[in-house]
Amino acid sequence: DKDGRIERVEFYANHKYAGTMTKAPCSFEIQKVNEIQPKIE
């Protein structure tokens, strides 16, 4: 963020909340359902 700092990063899989991270580095593992690639946001 050029004019502040990053507060949090939220992760969603298939339009459902998966988790939040507040510290870098932000790396999150999302489980597949029936080996189908989830839609990630």
Full PDB file with SEQRES, HELIX, SHEET, SSBOND, CRYST1, ORIGX, SCALE, CONECT and MASTER records, all heavy atoms in Angstrom:
SEQRES   1 A   41  ASP LYS ASP GLY ARG ILE GLU ARG VAL GLU PHE TYR ALA          
SEQRES   2 A   41  ASN HIS LYS TYR ALA GLY THR MET THR LYS ALA PRO CYS          
SEQRES   3 A   41  SER PHE GLU ILE GLN LYS VAL ASN GLU ILE GLN PRO LYS          
SEQRES   4 A   41  ILE GLU                                                      
SHEET    1 AA1 2 VAL A   9  ALA A  13  0                                        
SHEET    2 AA1 2 LYS A  16  MET A  21 -1                                        
CRYST1    1.000    1.000    1.000  90.00  90.00  90.00 P 1           1          
ORIGX1      1.000000  0.000000  0.000000        0.00000                         
ORIGX2      0.000000  1.000000  0.000000        0.00000                         
ORIGX3      0.000000  0.000000  1.000000        0.00000                         
SCALE1      1.000000  0.000000  0.000000        0.00000                         
SCALE2      0.000000  1.000000  0.000000        0.00000                         
SCALE3      0.000000  0.000000  1.000000        0.00000                         
ATOM      1  N   ASP A   1       0.852  -1.176   0.000  1.00  0.00           N  
ATOM      2  CA  ASP A   1       0.000   0.000   0.000  1.00  0.00           C  
ATOM      3  C   ASP A   1       0.894   1.235   0.000  1.00  0.00           C  
ATOM      4  O   ASP A   1       1.720   1.405   0.896  1.00  0.00           O  
ATOM      5  CB  ASP A   1      -0.922  -0.009   1.227  1.00  0.00           C  
ATOM      6  CG  ASP A   1      -1.977   1.068   1.162  1.00  0.00           C  
ATOM      7  OD1 ASP A   1      -2.386   1.432   0.050  1.00  0.00           O  
ATOM      8  OD2 ASP A   1      -2.379   1.553   2.222  1.00  0.00           O  
ATOM      9  N   LYS A   2       0.724   2.081  -1.005  1.00  0.00           N  
ATOM     10  CA  LYS A   2       1.595   3.250  -1.160  1.00  0.00           C  
ATOM     11  C   LYS A   2       1.347   4.334  -0.117  1.00  0.00           C  
ATOM     12  O   LYS A   2       2.238   5.117   0.180  1.00  0.00           O  
ATOM     13  CB  LYS A   2       1.428   3.845  -2.556  1.00  0.00           C  
ATOM     14  CG  LYS A   2       1.971   2.966  -3.645  1.00  0.00           C  
ATOM     15  CD  LYS A   2       1.840   3.627  -4.993  1.00  0.00           C  
ATOM     16  CE  LYS A   2       2.439   2.747  -6.065  1.00  0.00           C  
ATOM     17  NZ  LYS A   2       2.334   3.332  -7.388  1.00  0.00           N  
ATOM     18  N   ASP A   3       0.144   4.400   0.430  1.00  0.00           N  
ATOM     19  CA  ASP A   3      -0.163   5.477   1.371  1.00  0.00           C  
ATOM     20  C   ASP A   3      -0.587   4.966   2.751  1.00  0.00           C  
ATOM     21  O   ASP A   3      -1.302   5.633   3.476  1.00  0.00           O  
ATOM     22  CB  ASP A   3      -1.238   6.397   0.800  1.00  0.00           C  
ATOM     23  CG  ASP A   3      -2.551   5.668   0.543  1.00  0.00           C  
ATOM     24  OD1 ASP A   3      -2.576   4.428   0.598  1.00  0.00           O  
ATOM     25  OD2 ASP A   3      -3.553   6.342   0.287  1.00  0.00           O  
ATOM     26  N   GLY A   4      -0.127   3.810   3.102  1.00  0.00           N  
ATOM     27  CA  GLY A   4      -0.480   3.249   4.413  1.00  0.00           C  
ATOM     28  C   GLY A   4       0.138   1.864   4.562  1.00  0.00           C  
ATOM     29  O   GLY A   4       1.258   1.625   4.144  1.00  0.00           O  
ATOM     30  N   ARG A   5      -0.641   0.967   5.141  1.00  0.00           N  
ATOM     31  CA  ARG A   5      -0.163  -0.403   5.330  1.00  0.00           C  
ATOM     32  C   ARG A   5      -1.304  -1.374   5.078  1.00  0.00           C  
ATOM     33  O   ARG A   5      -2.471  -0.997   5.111  1.00  0.00           O  
ATOM     34  CB  ARG A   5       0.397  -0.580   6.733  1.00  0.00           C  
ATOM     35  CG  ARG A   5      -0.599  -0.340   7.830  1.00  0.00           C  
ATOM     36  CD  ARG A   5      -0.006  -0.538   9.223  1.00  0.00           C  
ATOM     37  NE  ARG A   5      -0.862   0.015  10.246  1.00  0.00           N  
ATOM     38  CZ  ARG A   5      -2.017  -0.529  10.634  1.00  0.00           C  
ATOM     39  NH1 ARG A   5      -2.434  -1.639  10.091  1.00  0.00           N  
ATOM     40  NH2 ARG A   5      -2.745   0.046  11.567  1.00  0.00           N  
ATOM     41  N   ILE A   6      -0.953  -2.623   4.846  1.00  0.00           N  
ATOM     42  CA  ILE A   6      -1.945  -3.662   4.640  1.00  0.00           C  
ATOM     43  C   ILE A   6      -2.502  -4.082   5.997  1.00  0.00           C  
ATOM     44  O   ILE A   6      -1.745  -4.427   6.900  1.00  0.00           O  
ATOM     45  CB  ILE A   6      -1.339  -4.879   3.898  1.00  0.00           C  
ATOM     46  CG1 ILE A   6      -0.779  -4.453   2.538  1.00  0.00           C  
ATOM     47  CG2 ILE A   6      -2.360  -5.997   3.745  1.00  0.00           C  
ATOM     48  CD1 ILE A   6      -1.797  -3.866   1.592  1.00  0.00           C  
ATOM     49  N   GLU A   7      -3.806  -4.036   6.127  1.00  0.00           N  
ATOM     50  CA  GLU A   7      -4.480  -4.383   7.383  1.00  0.00           C  
ATOM     51  C   GLU A   7      -4.744  -5.889   7.467  1.00  0.00           C  
ATOM     52  O   GLU A   7      -4.462  -6.531   8.460  1.00  0.00           O  
ATOM     53  CB  GLU A   7      -5.794  -3.619   7.487  1.00  0.00           C  
ATOM     54  CG  GLU A   7      -6.541  -3.797   8.773  1.00  0.00           C  
ATOM     55  CD  GLU A   7      -5.927  -3.012   9.911  1.00  0.00           C  
ATOM     56  OE1 GLU A   7      -5.214  -2.031   9.674  1.00  0.00           O  
ATOM     57  OE2 GLU A   7      -6.176  -3.410  11.055  1.00  0.00           O  
ATOM     58  N   ARG A   8      -5.326  -6.426   6.368  1.00  0.00           N  
ATOM     59  CA  ARG A   8      -5.632  -7.862   6.356  1.00  0.00           C  
ATOM     60  C   ARG A   8      -5.873  -8.338   4.931  1.00  0.00           C  
ATOM     61  O   ARG A   8      -6.143  -7.534   4.039  1.00  0.00           O  
ATOM     62  CB  ARG A   8      -6.849  -8.172   7.218  1.00  0.00           C  
ATOM     63  CG  ARG A   8      -8.157  -7.680   6.674  1.00  0.00           C  
ATOM     64  CD  ARG A   8      -9.320  -7.940   7.643  1.00  0.00           C  
ATOM     65  NE  ARG A   8     -10.588  -7.562   7.077  1.00  0.00           N  
ATOM     66  CZ  ARG A   8     -11.078  -6.339   7.008  1.00  0.00           C  
ATOM     67  NH1 ARG A   8     -10.368  -5.324   7.474  1.00  0.00           N  
ATOM     68  NH2 ARG A   8     -12.254  -6.095   6.479  1.00  0.00           N  
ATOM     69  N   VAL A   9      -5.767  -9.647   4.751  1.00  0.00           N  
ATOM     70  CA  VAL A   9      -6.049 -10.289   3.473  1.00  0.00           C  
ATOM     71  C   VAL A   9      -7.061 -11.394   3.751  1.00  0.00           C  
ATOM     72  O   VAL A   9      -6.828 -12.259   4.591  1.00  0.00           O  
ATOM     73  CB  VAL A   9      -4.769 -10.878   2.834  1.00  0.00           C  
ATOM     74  CG1 VAL A   9      -5.092 -11.575   1.528  1.00  0.00           C  
ATOM     75  CG2 VAL A   9      -3.725  -9.790   2.626  1.00  0.00           C  
ATOM     76  N   GLU A  10      -8.204 -11.339   3.051  1.00  0.00           N  
ATOM     77  CA  GLU A  10      -9.241 -12.342   3.224  1.00  0.00           C  
ATOM     78  C   GLU A  10      -9.260 -13.271   2.014  1.00  0.00           C  
ATOM     79  O   GLU A  10      -9.103 -12.828   0.881  1.00  0.00           O  
ATOM     80  CB  GLU A  10     -10.615 -11.686   3.376  1.00  0.00           C  
ATOM     81  CG  GLU A  10     -10.760 -10.859   4.630  1.00  0.00           C  
ATOM     82  CD  GLU A  10     -12.128 -10.191   4.743  1.00  0.00           C  
ATOM     83  OE1 GLU A  10     -12.928 -10.237   3.782  1.00  0.00           O  
ATOM     84  OE2 GLU A  10     -12.389  -9.624   5.813  1.00  0.00           O  
ATOM     85  N   PHE A  11      -9.485 -14.550   2.272  1.00  0.00           N  
ATOM     86  CA  PHE A  11      -9.519 -15.568   1.234  1.00  0.00           C  
ATOM     87  C   PHE A  11     -10.914 -16.174   1.151  1.00  0.00           C  
ATOM     88  O   PHE A  11     -11.532 -16.469   2.175  1.00  0.00           O  
ATOM     89  CB  PHE A  11      -8.501 -16.670   1.543  1.00  0.00           C  
ATOM     90  CG  PHE A  11      -7.086 -16.189   1.561  1.00  0.00           C  
ATOM     91  CD1 PHE A  11      -6.517 -15.690   2.725  1.00  0.00           C  
ATOM     92  CD2 PHE A  11      -6.314 -16.219   0.412  1.00  0.00           C  
ATOM     93  CE1 PHE A  11      -5.216 -15.241   2.756  1.00  0.00           C  
ATOM     94  CE2 PHE A  11      -4.998 -15.764   0.428  1.00  0.00           C  
ATOM     95  CZ  PHE A  11      -4.455 -15.273   1.594  1.00  0.00           C  
ATOM     96  N   TYR A  12     -11.394 -16.365  -0.095  1.00  0.00           N  
ATOM     97  CA  TYR A  12     -12.692 -16.982  -0.337  1.00  0.00           C  
ATOM     98  C   TYR A  12     -12.514 -18.080  -1.384  1.00  0.00           C  
ATOM     99  O   TYR A  12     -11.749 -17.924  -2.337  1.00  0.00           O  
ATOM    100  CB  TYR A  12     -13.698 -15.946  -0.854  1.00  0.00           C  
ATOM    101  CG  TYR A  12     -14.045 -14.895   0.169  1.00  0.00           C  
ATOM    102  CD1 TYR A  12     -13.222 -13.802   0.389  1.00  0.00           C  
ATOM    103  CD2 TYR A  12     -15.200 -15.003   0.936  1.00  0.00           C  
ATOM    104  CE1 TYR A  12     -13.528 -12.845   1.337  1.00  0.00           C  
ATOM    105  CE2 TYR A  12     -15.511 -14.045   1.890  1.00  0.00           C  
ATOM    106  CZ  TYR A  12     -14.674 -12.969   2.077  1.00  0.00           C  
ATOM    107  OH  TYR A  12     -14.973 -12.025   3.023  1.00  0.00           O  
ATOM    108  N   ALA A  13     -13.223 -19.188  -1.185  1.00  0.00           N  
ATOM    109  CA  ALA A  13     -13.217 -20.290  -2.143  1.00  0.00           C  
ATOM    110  C   ALA A  13     -14.659 -20.600  -2.509  1.00  0.00           C  
ATOM    111  O   ALA A  13     -15.485 -20.863  -1.619  1.00  0.00           O  
ATOM    112  CB  ALA A  13     -12.541 -21.514  -1.550  1.00  0.00           C  
ATOM    113  N   ASN A  14     -14.969 -20.547  -3.790  1.00  0.00           N  
ATOM    114  CA  ASN A  14     -16.331 -20.773  -4.280  1.00  0.00           C  
ATOM    115  C   ASN A  14     -17.340 -19.886  -3.548  1.00  0.00           C  
ATOM    116  O   ASN A  14     -18.392 -20.337  -3.106  1.00  0.00           O  
ATOM    117  CB  ASN A  14     -16.711 -22.251  -4.158  1.00  0.00           C  
ATOM    118  CG  ASN A  14     -15.846 -23.124  -5.037  1.00  0.00           C  
ATOM    119  OD1 ASN A  14     -15.473 -22.732  -6.136  1.00  0.00           O  
ATOM    120  ND2 ASN A  14     -15.506 -24.293  -4.553  1.00  0.00           N  
ATOM    121  N   HIS A  15     -17.001 -18.624  -3.400  1.00  0.00           N  
ATOM    122  CA  HIS A  15     -17.843 -17.590  -2.784  1.00  0.00           C  
ATOM    123  C   HIS A  15     -18.092 -17.811  -1.295  1.00  0.00           C  
ATOM    124  O   HIS A  15     -19.002 -17.223  -0.721  1.00  0.00           O  
ATOM    125  CB  HIS A  15     -19.182 -17.475  -3.522  1.00  0.00           C  
ATOM    126  CG  HIS A  15     -19.026 -17.291  -4.995  1.00  0.00           C  
ATOM    127  ND1 HIS A  15     -18.551 -16.124  -5.559  1.00  0.00           N  
ATOM    128  CD2 HIS A  15     -19.254 -18.139  -6.032  1.00  0.00           C  
ATOM    129  CE1 HIS A  15     -18.508 -16.263  -6.863  1.00  0.00           C  
ATOM    130  NE2 HIS A  15     -18.928 -17.455  -7.178  1.00  0.00           N  
ATOM    131  N   LYS A  16     -17.300 -18.660  -0.657  1.00  0.00           N  
ATOM    132  CA  LYS A  16     -17.428 -18.898   0.785  1.00  0.00           C  
ATOM    133  C   LYS A  16     -16.139 -18.468   1.469  1.00  0.00           C  
ATOM    134  O   LYS A  16     -15.043 -18.736   0.984  1.00  0.00           O  
ATOM    135  CB  LYS A  16     -17.692 -20.371   1.069  1.00  0.00           C  
ATOM    136  CG  LYS A  16     -19.044 -20.836   0.562  1.00  0.00           C  
ATOM    137  CD  LYS A  16     -19.273 -22.285   0.898  1.00  0.00           C  
ATOM    138  CE  LYS A  16     -20.600 -22.736   0.339  1.00  0.00           C  
ATOM    139  NZ  LYS A  16     -20.836 -24.154   0.545  1.00  0.00           N  
ATOM    140  N   TYR A  17     -16.296 -17.828   2.615  1.00  0.00           N  
ATOM    141  CA  TYR A  17     -15.149 -17.363   3.393  1.00  0.00           C  
ATOM    142  C   TYR A  17     -14.276 -18.546   3.785  1.00  0.00           C  
ATOM    143  O   TYR A  17     -14.753 -19.558   4.287  1.00  0.00           O  
ATOM    144  CB  TYR A  17     -15.648 -16.623   4.632  1.00  0.00           C  
ATOM    145  CG  TYR A  17     -14.561 -16.203   5.580  1.00  0.00           C  
ATOM    146  CD1 TYR A  17     -13.769 -15.103   5.299  1.00  0.00           C  
ATOM    147  CD2 TYR A  17     -14.320 -16.914   6.741  1.00  0.00           C  
ATOM    148  CE1 TYR A  17     -12.764 -14.709   6.165  1.00  0.00           C  
ATOM    149  CE2 TYR A  17     -13.328 -16.537   7.620  1.00  0.00           C  
ATOM    150  CZ  TYR A  17     -12.549 -15.435   7.320  1.00  0.00           C  
ATOM    151  OH  TYR A  17     -11.556 -15.055   8.181  1.00  0.00           O  
ATOM    152  N   ALA A  18     -12.955 -18.410   3.549  1.00  0.00           N  
ATOM    153  CA  ALA A  18     -12.023 -19.487   3.891  1.00  0.00           C  
ATOM    154  C   ALA A  18     -11.075 -19.093   5.016  1.00  0.00           C  
ATOM    155  O   ALA A  18     -10.634 -19.947   5.775  1.00  0.00           O  
ATOM    156  CB  ALA A  18     -11.221 -19.896   2.654  1.00  0.00           C  
ATOM    157  N   GLY A  19     -10.727 -17.813   5.133  1.00  0.00           N  
ATOM    158  CA  GLY A  19      -9.827 -17.396   6.201  1.00  0.00           C  
ATOM    159  C   GLY A  19      -9.275 -16.006   5.994  1.00  0.00           C  
ATOM    160  O   GLY A  19      -9.467 -15.386   4.949  1.00  0.00           O  
ATOM    161  N   THR A  20      -8.565 -15.527   7.022  1.00  0.00           N  
ATOM    162  CA  THR A  20      -7.962 -14.188   7.016  1.00  0.00           C  
ATOM    163  C   THR A  20      -6.526 -14.285   7.502  1.00  0.00           C  
ATOM    164  O   THR A  20      -6.226 -15.064   8.406  1.00  0.00           O  
ATOM    165  CB  THR A  20      -8.731 -13.235   7.948  1.00  0.00           C  
ATOM    166  OG1 THR A  20     -10.075 -13.127   7.492  1.00  0.00           O  
ATOM    167  CG2 THR A  20      -8.107 -11.851   7.976  1.00  0.00           C  
ATOM    168  N   MET A  21      -5.656 -13.484   6.904  1.00  0.00           N  
ATOM    169  CA  MET A  21      -4.277 -13.367   7.363  1.00  0.00           C  
ATOM    170  C   MET A  21      -3.990 -11.890   7.607  1.00  0.00           C  
ATOM    171  O   MET A  21      -4.442 -11.031   6.871  1.00  0.00           O  
ATOM    172  CB  MET A  21      -3.304 -13.940   6.345  1.00  0.00           C  
ATOM    173  CG  MET A  21      -3.497 -15.433   6.116  1.00  0.00           C  
ATOM    174  SD  MET A  21      -2.071 -16.198   5.378  1.00  0.00           S  
ATOM    175  CE  MET A  21      -0.944 -16.208   6.734  1.00  0.00           C  
ATOM    176  N   THR A  22      -3.215 -11.618   8.658  1.00  0.00           N  
ATOM    177  CA  THR A  22      -2.884 -10.232   8.983  1.00  0.00           C  
ATOM    178  C   THR A  22      -1.388  -9.955   8.917  1.00  0.00           C  
ATOM    179  O   THR A  22      -0.977  -8.822   9.079  1.00  0.00           O  
ATOM    180  CB  THR A  22      -3.394  -9.866  10.392  1.00  0.00           C  
ATOM    181  OG1 THR A  22      -2.826 -10.772  11.333  1.00  0.00           O  
ATOM    182  CG2 THR A  22      -4.906  -9.929  10.462  1.00  0.00           C  
ATOM    183  N   LYS A  23      -0.595 -10.982   8.684  1.00  0.00           N  
ATOM    184  CA  LYS A  23       0.859 -10.804   8.624  1.00  0.00           C  
ATOM    185  C   LYS A  23       1.404 -11.390   7.333  1.00  0.00           C  
ATOM    186  O   LYS A  23       0.942 -12.411   6.852  1.00  0.00           O  
ATOM    187  CB  LYS A  23       1.532 -11.480   9.819  1.00  0.00           C  
ATOM    188  CG  LYS A  23       1.169 -10.835  11.139  1.00  0.00           C  
ATOM    189  CD  LYS A  23       1.944 -11.431  12.272  1.00  0.00           C  
ATOM    190  CE  LYS A  23       1.542 -10.758  13.569  1.00  0.00           C  
ATOM    191  NZ  LYS A  23       2.264 -11.258  14.712  1.00  0.00           N  
ATOM    192  N   ALA A  24       2.411 -10.716   6.789  1.00  0.00           N  
ATOM    193  CA  ALA A  24       3.081 -11.206   5.584  1.00  0.00           C  
ATOM    194  C   ALA A  24       4.097 -12.268   5.970  1.00  0.00           C  
ATOM    195  O   ALA A  24       4.609 -12.242   7.080  1.00  0.00           O  
ATOM    196  CB  ALA A  24       3.761 -10.047   4.866  1.00  0.00           C  
ATOM    197  N   PRO A  25       4.435 -13.181   5.144  1.00  0.00           N  
ATOM    198  CA  PRO A  25       3.888 -13.411   3.811  1.00  0.00           C  
ATOM    199  C   PRO A  25       2.522 -14.078   3.884  1.00  0.00           C  
ATOM    200  O   PRO A  25       2.261 -14.873   4.774  1.00  0.00           O  
ATOM    201  CB  PRO A  25       4.909 -14.336   3.162  1.00  0.00           C  
ATOM    202  CG  PRO A  25       5.501 -15.095   4.304  1.00  0.00           C  
ATOM    203  CD  PRO A  25       5.487 -14.149   5.474  1.00  0.00           C  
ATOM    204  N   CYS A  26       1.650 -13.738   2.967  1.00  0.00           N  
ATOM    205  CA  CYS A  26       0.298 -14.289   2.951  1.00  0.00           C  
ATOM    206  C   CYS A  26       0.251 -15.489   2.020  1.00  0.00           C  
ATOM    207  O   CYS A  26       0.298 -15.356   0.804  1.00  0.00           O  
ATOM    208  CB  CYS A  26      -0.706 -13.237   2.495  1.00  0.00           C  
ATOM    209  SG  CYS A  26      -0.899 -11.899   3.661  1.00  0.00           S  
ATOM    210  N   SER A  27       0.188 -16.643   2.607  1.00  0.00           N  
ATOM    211  CA  SER A  27       0.079 -17.887   1.871  1.00  0.00           C  
ATOM    212  C   SER A  27      -0.996 -18.714   2.551  1.00  0.00           C  
ATOM    213  O   SER A  27      -0.953 -18.915   3.763  1.00  0.00           O  
ATOM    214  CB  SER A  27       1.422 -18.623   1.880  1.00  0.00           C  
ATOM    215  OG  SER A  27       1.329 -19.797   1.121  1.00  0.00           O  
ATOM    216  N   PHE A  28      -1.971 -19.165   1.781  1.00  0.00           N  
ATOM    217  CA  PHE A  28      -3.129 -19.840   2.358  1.00  0.00           C  
ATOM    218  C   PHE A  28      -3.433 -21.096   1.534  1.00  0.00           C  
ATOM    219  O   PHE A  28      -3.403 -21.055   0.312  1.00  0.00           O  
ATOM    220  CB  PHE A  28      -4.329 -18.892   2.345  1.00  0.00           C  
ATOM    221  CG  PHE A  28      -5.446 -19.298   3.241  1.00  0.00           C  
ATOM    222  CD1 PHE A  28      -5.407 -19.026   4.597  1.00  0.00           C  
ATOM    223  CD2 PHE A  28      -6.544 -19.962   2.732  1.00  0.00           C  
ATOM    224  CE1 PHE A  28      -6.445 -19.403   5.427  1.00  0.00           C  
ATOM    225  CE2 PHE A  28      -7.584 -20.335   3.551  1.00  0.00           C  
ATOM    226  CZ  PHE A  28      -7.539 -20.059   4.903  1.00  0.00           C  
ATOM    227  N   GLU A  29      -3.754 -22.176   2.217  1.00  0.00           N  
ATOM    228  CA  GLU A  29      -4.074 -23.436   1.541  1.00  0.00           C  
ATOM    229  C   GLU A  29      -5.581 -23.638   1.528  1.00  0.00           C  
ATOM    230  O   GLU A  29      -6.229 -23.601   2.574  1.00  0.00           O  
ATOM    231  CB  GLU A  29      -3.396 -24.605   2.249  1.00  0.00           C  
ATOM    232  CG  GLU A  29      -3.565 -25.919   1.528  1.00  0.00           C  
ATOM    233  CD  GLU A  29      -2.717 -27.034   2.118  1.00  0.00           C  
ATOM    234  OE1 GLU A  29      -1.861 -26.749   2.976  1.00  0.00           O  
ATOM    235  OE2 GLU A  29      -2.910 -28.188   1.718  1.00  0.00           O  
ATOM    236  N   ILE A  30      -6.124 -23.849   0.326  1.00  0.00           N  
ATOM    237  CA  ILE A  30      -7.559 -24.077   0.154  1.00  0.00           C  
ATOM    238  C   ILE A  30      -7.761 -25.497  -0.353  1.00  0.00           C  
ATOM    239  O   ILE A  30      -7.159 -25.900  -1.355  1.00  0.00           O  
ATOM    240  CB  ILE A  30      -8.166 -23.050  -0.826  1.00  0.00           C  
ATOM    241  CG1 ILE A  30      -8.029 -21.648  -0.237  1.00  0.00           C  
ATOM    242  CG2 ILE A  30      -9.612 -23.380  -1.134  1.00  0.00           C  
ATOM    243  CD1 ILE A  30      -8.505 -20.546  -1.140  1.00  0.00           C  
ATOM    244  N   GLN A  31      -8.593 -26.241   0.339  1.00  0.00           N  
ATOM    245  CA  GLN A  31      -8.855 -27.634  -0.017  1.00  0.00           C  
ATOM    246  C   GLN A  31      -9.758 -27.710  -1.249  1.00  0.00           C  
ATOM    247  O   GLN A  31     -10.710 -26.941  -1.390  1.00  0.00           O  
ATOM    248  CB  GLN A  31      -9.520 -28.378   1.150  1.00  0.00           C  
ATOM    249  CG  GLN A  31      -8.679 -28.412   2.407  1.00  0.00           C  
ATOM    250  CD  GLN A  31      -7.362 -29.134   2.203  1.00  0.00           C  
ATOM    251  OE1 GLN A  31      -7.301 -30.185   1.570  1.00  0.00           O  
ATOM    252  NE2 GLN A  31      -6.297 -28.562   2.734  1.00  0.00           N  
ATOM    253  N   LYS A  32      -9.460 -28.673  -2.128  1.00  0.00           N  
ATOM    254  CA  LYS A  32     -10.315 -28.935  -3.282  1.00  0.00           C  
ATOM    255  C   LYS A  32     -11.465 -29.839  -2.850  1.00  0.00           C  
ATOM    256  O   LYS A  32     -11.308 -30.665  -1.960  1.00  0.00           O  
ATOM    257  CB  LYS A  32      -9.532 -29.634  -4.388  1.00  0.00           C  
ATOM    258  CG  LYS A  32      -8.488 -28.783  -5.048  1.00  0.00           C  
ATOM    259  CD  LYS A  32      -7.806 -29.571  -6.140  1.00  0.00           C  
ATOM    260  CE  LYS A  32      -6.729 -28.784  -6.822  1.00  0.00           C  
ATOM    261  NZ  LYS A  32      -6.046 -29.575  -7.863  1.00  0.00           N  
ATOM    262  N   VAL A  33     -12.606 -29.677  -3.486  1.00  0.00           N  
ATOM    263  CA  VAL A  33     -13.744 -30.555  -3.249  1.00  0.00           C  
ATOM    264  C   VAL A  33     -13.912 -31.408  -4.487  1.00  0.00           C  
ATOM    265  O   VAL A  33     -14.095 -30.891  -5.585  1.00  0.00           O  
ATOM    266  CB  VAL A  33     -15.027 -29.742  -2.969  1.00  0.00           C  
ATOM    267  CG1 VAL A  33     -16.215 -30.659  -2.780  1.00  0.00           C  
ATOM    268  CG2 VAL A  33     -14.823 -28.850  -1.757  1.00  0.00           C  
ATOM    269  N   ASN A  34     -13.820 -32.728  -4.325  1.00  0.00           N  
ATOM    270  CA  ASN A  34     -13.912 -33.678  -5.445  1.00  0.00           C  
ATOM    271  C   ASN A  34     -12.866 -33.393  -6.521  1.00  0.00           C  
ATOM    272  O   ASN A  34     -13.131 -33.527  -7.711  1.00  0.00           O  
ATOM    273  CB  ASN A  34     -15.314 -33.675  -6.056  1.00  0.00           C  
ATOM    274  CG  ASN A  34     -16.369 -34.100  -5.077  1.00  0.00           C  
ATOM    275  OD1 ASN A  34     -16.117 -34.928  -4.194  1.00  0.00           O  
ATOM    276  ND2 ASN A  34     -17.547 -33.537  -5.198  1.00  0.00           N  
ATOM    277  N   GLU A  35     -11.691 -32.936  -6.084  1.00  0.00           N  
ATOM    278  CA  GLU A  35     -10.569 -32.636  -6.986  1.00  0.00           C  
ATOM    279  C   GLU A  35     -10.912 -31.576  -8.040  1.00  0.00           C  
ATOM    280  O   GLU A  35     -10.331 -31.546  -9.117  1.00  0.00           O  
ATOM    281  CB  GLU A  35     -10.053 -33.912  -7.666  1.00  0.00           C  
ATOM    282  CG  GLU A  35      -9.392 -34.869  -6.720  1.00  0.00           C  
ATOM    283  CD  GLU A  35      -8.173 -34.269  -6.018  1.00  0.00           C  
ATOM    284  OE1 GLU A  35      -7.352 -33.636  -6.681  1.00  0.00           O  
ATOM    285  OE2 GLU A  35      -8.072 -34.453  -4.796  1.00  0.00           O  
ATOM    286  N   ILE A  36     -11.859 -30.721  -7.757  1.00  0.00           N  
ATOM    287  CA  ILE A  36     -12.240 -29.636  -8.669  1.00  0.00           C  
ATOM    288  C   ILE A  36     -11.562 -28.355  -8.209  1.00  0.00           C  
ATOM    289  O   ILE A  36     -11.576 -28.023  -7.025  1.00  0.00           O  
ATOM    290  CB  ILE A  36     -13.769 -29.460  -8.696  1.00  0.00           C  
ATOM    291  CG1 ILE A  36     -14.428 -30.726  -9.245  1.00  0.00           C  
ATOM    292  CG2 ILE A  36     -14.166 -28.242  -9.533  1.00  0.00           C  
ATOM    293  CD1 ILE A  36     -15.928 -30.720  -9.174  1.00  0.00           C  
ATOM    294  N   GLN A  37     -10.980 -27.650  -9.171  1.00  0.00           N  
ATOM    295  CA  GLN A  37     -10.310 -26.376  -8.879  1.00  0.00           C  
ATOM    296  C   GLN A  37     -11.334 -25.370  -8.343  1.00  0.00           C  
ATOM    297  O   GLN A  37     -12.308 -25.069  -9.014  1.00  0.00           O  
ATOM    298  CB  GLN A  37      -9.648 -25.843 -10.155  1.00  0.00           C  
ATOM    299  CG  GLN A  37      -9.029 -24.490 -10.024  1.00  0.00           C  
ATOM    300  CD  GLN A  37      -7.730 -24.513  -9.259  1.00  0.00           C  
ATOM    301  OE1 GLN A  37      -7.085 -25.528  -9.157  1.00  0.00           O  
ATOM    302  NE2 GLN A  37      -7.359 -23.372  -8.716  1.00  0.00           N  
ATOM    303  N   PRO A  38     -11.152 -24.834  -7.137  1.00  0.00           N  
ATOM    304  CA  PRO A  38     -12.114 -23.860  -6.607  1.00  0.00           C  
ATOM    305  C   PRO A  38     -11.954 -22.490  -7.256  1.00  0.00           C  
ATOM    306  O   PRO A  38     -10.880 -22.136  -7.731  1.00  0.00           O  
ATOM    307  CB  PRO A  38     -11.763 -23.797  -5.115  1.00  0.00           C  
ATOM    308  CG  PRO A  38     -10.323 -24.166  -5.055  1.00  0.00           C  
ATOM    309  CD  PRO A  38     -10.091 -25.133  -6.173  1.00  0.00           C  
ATOM    310  N   LYS A  39     -13.045 -21.721  -7.272  1.00  0.00           N  
ATOM    311  CA  LYS A  39     -12.977 -20.324  -7.696  1.00  0.00           C  
ATOM    312  C   LYS A  39     -12.440 -19.542  -6.505  1.00  0.00           C  
ATOM    313  O   LYS A  39     -13.035 -19.552  -5.438  1.00  0.00           O  
ATOM    314  CB  LYS A  39     -14.357 -19.808  -8.093  1.00  0.00           C  
ATOM    315  CG  LYS A  39     -14.887 -20.452  -9.341  1.00  0.00           C  
ATOM    316  CD  LYS A  39     -16.241 -19.906  -9.689  1.00  0.00           C  
ATOM    317  CE  LYS A  39     -16.770 -20.616 -10.917  1.00  0.00           C  
ATOM    318  NZ  LYS A  39     -18.120 -20.176 -11.274  1.00  0.00           N  
ATOM    319  N   ILE A  40     -11.320 -18.883  -6.691  1.00  0.00           N  
ATOM    320  CA  ILE A  40     -10.637 -18.213  -5.593  1.00  0.00           C  
ATOM    321  C   ILE A  40     -10.826 -16.703  -5.710  1.00  0.00           C  
ATOM    322  O   ILE A  40     -10.717 -16.137  -6.794  1.00  0.00           O  
ATOM    323  CB  ILE A  40      -9.136 -18.569  -5.596  1.00  0.00           C  
ATOM    324  CG1 ILE A  40      -8.976 -20.066  -5.367  1.00  0.00           C  
ATOM    325  CG2 ILE A  40      -8.381 -17.765  -4.557  1.00  0.00           C  
ATOM    326  CD1 ILE A  40      -7.591 -20.575  -5.590  1.00  0.00           C  
ATOM    327  N   GLU A  41     -11.105 -16.077  -4.572  1.00  0.00           N  
ATOM    328  CA  GLU A  41     -11.212 -14.629  -4.495  1.00  0.00           C  
ATOM    329  C   GLU A  41     -10.389 -14.160  -3.300  1.00  0.00           C  
ATOM    330  O   GLU A  41     -10.463 -14.729  -2.222  1.00  0.00           O  
ATOM    331  CB  GLU A  41     -12.668 -14.204  -4.311  1.00  0.00           C  
ATOM    332  CG  GLU A  41     -12.864 -12.709  -4.294  1.00  0.00           C  
ATOM    333  CD  GLU A  41     -14.326 -12.319  -4.211  1.00  0.00           C  
ATOM    334  OE1 GLU A  41     -15.153 -12.912  -4.933  1.00  0.00           O  
ATOM    335  OE2 GLU A  41     -14.627 -11.419  -3.415  1.00  0.00           O  
TER     336      GLU A  41                                                      
MASTER        0    0    0    0    2    0    0    6  335    1    0    4          
END                                                                             
